[in-house]
Amino acid sequence: MDRLNELPVWVFHDKRDDIIPCEESVRMVDSINSAGRNTKLTTYGKGTHDA
């Protein structure tokens, strides 16, 4: 599992997702970054659950 510490993570989520709220991705990215990682989050606003 240690080798995953250097794996880049880039999360994509649509703000209008009607299945999983975008706030869940925000919370996940914040948690990962607070552990010392550099995770990116990109959000969209035109789709739903297909980002």
N, C-alpha and C. Protein backbone atom coordinates (compact mmCIF):
# COMPACT_ATOMS: atom_id res chain seq x y z
N MET A 1 0.81 -1.19 0.00
CA MET A 1 0.00 0.00 0.00
C MET A 1 0.86 1.26 0.00
N ASP A 2 2.06 1.20 0.55
CA ASP A 2 2.93 2.38 0.60
C ASP A 2 3.24 2.94 -0.78
N ARG A 3 3.31 2.07 -1.77
CA ARG A 3 3.65 2.56 -3.10
C ARG A 3 2.54 3.42 -3.70
N LEU A 4 1.34 3.34 -3.15
CA LEU A 4 0.25 4.18 -3.63
C LEU A 4 0.34 5.61 -3.10
N ASN A 5 1.19 5.84 -2.12
CA ASN A 5 1.33 7.18 -1.56
C ASN A 5 1.79 8.20 -2.58
N GLU A 6 2.51 7.77 -3.60
CA GLU A 6 3.01 8.68 -4.62
C GLU A 6 2.14 8.71 -5.87
N LEU A 7 1.06 7.96 -5.87
CA LEU A 7 0.17 7.91 -7.02
C LEU A 7 -0.64 9.19 -7.13
N PRO A 8 -0.54 9.91 -8.25
CA PRO A 8 -1.33 11.14 -8.40
C PRO A 8 -2.82 10.81 -8.45
N VAL A 9 -3.62 11.67 -7.83
CA VAL A 9 -5.07 11.49 -7.83
C VAL A 9 -5.71 12.77 -8.34
N TRP A 10 -6.60 12.62 -9.33
CA TRP A 10 -7.33 13.75 -9.87
C TRP A 10 -8.79 13.32 -9.93
N VAL A 11 -9.63 13.97 -9.16
CA VAL A 11 -11.04 13.60 -9.02
C VAL A 11 -11.89 14.53 -9.89
N PHE A 12 -12.86 13.95 -10.58
CA PHE A 12 -13.81 14.71 -11.40
C PHE A 12 -15.21 14.44 -10.87
N HIS A 13 -16.01 15.51 -10.75
CA HIS A 13 -17.37 15.33 -10.25
C HIS A 13 -18.25 16.44 -10.80
N ASP A 14 -19.49 16.10 -11.14
CA ASP A 14 -20.44 17.10 -11.60
C ASP A 14 -21.23 17.63 -10.43
N LYS A 15 -21.38 18.93 -10.35
CA LYS A 15 -22.09 19.56 -9.24
C LYS A 15 -23.57 19.18 -9.20
N ARG A 16 -24.12 18.75 -10.34
CA ARG A 16 -25.54 18.39 -10.41
C ARG A 16 -25.76 16.88 -10.33
N ASP A 17 -24.77 16.15 -9.89
CA ASP A 17 -24.89 14.70 -9.75
C ASP A 17 -26.07 14.37 -8.84
N ASP A 18 -27.01 13.57 -9.36
CA ASP A 18 -28.20 13.25 -8.58
C ASP A 18 -28.10 11.88 -7.89
N ILE A 19 -26.94 11.25 -7.98
CA ILE A 19 -26.73 9.95 -7.33
C ILE A 19 -25.76 10.08 -6.15
N ILE A 20 -24.62 10.70 -6.38
CA ILE A 20 -23.63 10.94 -5.32
C ILE A 20 -23.37 12.45 -5.26
N PRO A 21 -23.67 13.08 -4.14
CA PRO A 21 -23.47 14.53 -4.03
C PRO A 21 -22.01 14.92 -4.24
N CYS A 22 -21.81 16.03 -4.90
CA CYS A 22 -20.47 16.54 -5.16
C CYS A 22 -19.72 16.78 -3.85
N GLU A 23 -20.43 17.10 -2.79
CA GLU A 23 -19.80 17.35 -1.50
C GLU A 23 -19.01 16.14 -1.01
N GLU A 24 -19.42 14.94 -1.44
CA GLU A 24 -18.68 13.73 -1.05
C GLU A 24 -17.27 13.73 -1.64
N SER A 25 -17.14 14.18 -2.89
CA SER A 25 -15.81 14.26 -3.49
C SER A 25 -14.99 15.36 -2.85
N VAL A 26 -15.63 16.47 -2.53
CA VAL A 26 -14.93 17.57 -1.85
C VAL A 26 -14.40 17.07 -0.51
N ARG A 27 -15.23 16.37 0.24
CA ARG A 27 -14.81 15.85 1.54
C ARG A 27 -13.66 14.84 1.39
N MET A 28 -13.74 13.97 0.38
CA MET A 28 -12.70 12.98 0.17
C MET A 28 -11.37 13.64 -0.19
N VAL A 29 -11.41 14.60 -1.11
CA VAL A 29 -10.19 15.29 -1.52
C VAL A 29 -9.59 16.07 -0.36
N ASP A 30 -10.43 16.74 0.42
CA ASP A 30 -9.93 17.46 1.59
C ASP A 30 -9.25 16.51 2.57
N SER A 31 -9.84 15.35 2.77
CA SER A 31 -9.27 14.37 3.69
C SER A 31 -7.93 13.86 3.19
N ILE A 32 -7.85 13.55 1.91
CA ILE A 32 -6.59 13.07 1.34
C ILE A 32 -5.52 14.15 1.44
N ASN A 33 -5.88 15.38 1.11
CA ASN A 33 -4.91 16.47 1.17
C ASN A 33 -4.47 16.78 2.59
N SER A 34 -5.36 16.62 3.56
CA SER A 34 -4.97 16.88 4.95
C SER A 34 -4.00 15.82 5.45
N ALA A 35 -3.93 14.70 4.76
CA ALA A 35 -2.98 13.64 5.11
C ALA A 35 -1.63 13.86 4.42
N GLY A 36 -1.48 15.02 3.74
CA GLY A 36 -0.19 15.34 3.14
C GLY A 36 -0.08 15.08 1.66
N ARG A 37 -1.14 14.69 1.03
CA ARG A 37 -1.11 14.42 -0.42
C ARG A 37 -1.48 15.69 -1.19
N ASN A 38 -1.32 15.66 -2.49
CA ASN A 38 -1.68 16.78 -3.35
C ASN A 38 -2.69 16.28 -4.38
N THR A 39 -3.94 16.20 -4.00
CA THR A 39 -5.00 15.68 -4.85
C THR A 39 -5.76 16.83 -5.48
N LYS A 40 -6.09 16.69 -6.77
CA LYS A 40 -6.82 17.72 -7.49
C LYS A 40 -8.30 17.35 -7.60
N LEU A 41 -9.16 18.36 -7.62
CA LEU A 41 -10.58 18.16 -7.82
C LEU A 41 -11.05 19.11 -8.91
N THR A 42 -11.69 18.55 -9.93
CA THR A 42 -12.30 19.35 -10.98
C THR A 42 -13.80 19.08 -10.96
N THR A 43 -14.59 20.16 -10.91
CA THR A 43 -16.04 20.00 -10.91
C THR A 43 -16.62 20.60 -12.18
N TYR A 44 -17.74 20.02 -12.61
CA TYR A 44 -18.46 20.48 -13.79
C TYR A 44 -19.87 20.87 -13.37
N GLY A 45 -20.59 21.54 -14.25
CA GLY A 45 -21.92 21.97 -13.91
C GLY A 45 -22.96 21.74 -14.98
N LYS A 46 -22.65 20.92 -15.99
CA LYS A 46 -23.59 20.73 -17.09
C LYS A 46 -24.17 19.33 -17.17
N GLY A 47 -23.60 18.39 -16.49
CA GLY A 47 -24.06 17.00 -16.58
C GLY A 47 -24.69 16.57 -15.28
N THR A 48 -24.74 15.25 -15.09
CA THR A 48 -25.23 14.73 -13.83
C THR A 48 -24.22 13.73 -13.29
N HIS A 49 -24.47 12.42 -13.44
CA HIS A 49 -23.59 11.40 -12.87
C HIS A 49 -22.58 10.87 -13.88
N ASP A 50 -22.36 11.59 -14.97
CA ASP A 50 -21.49 11.06 -16.03
C ASP A 50 -20.21 11.85 -16.20
N ALA A 51 -19.78 12.57 -15.17
CA ALA A 51 -18.55 13.35 -15.28
C ALA A 51 -17.37 12.43 -15.43
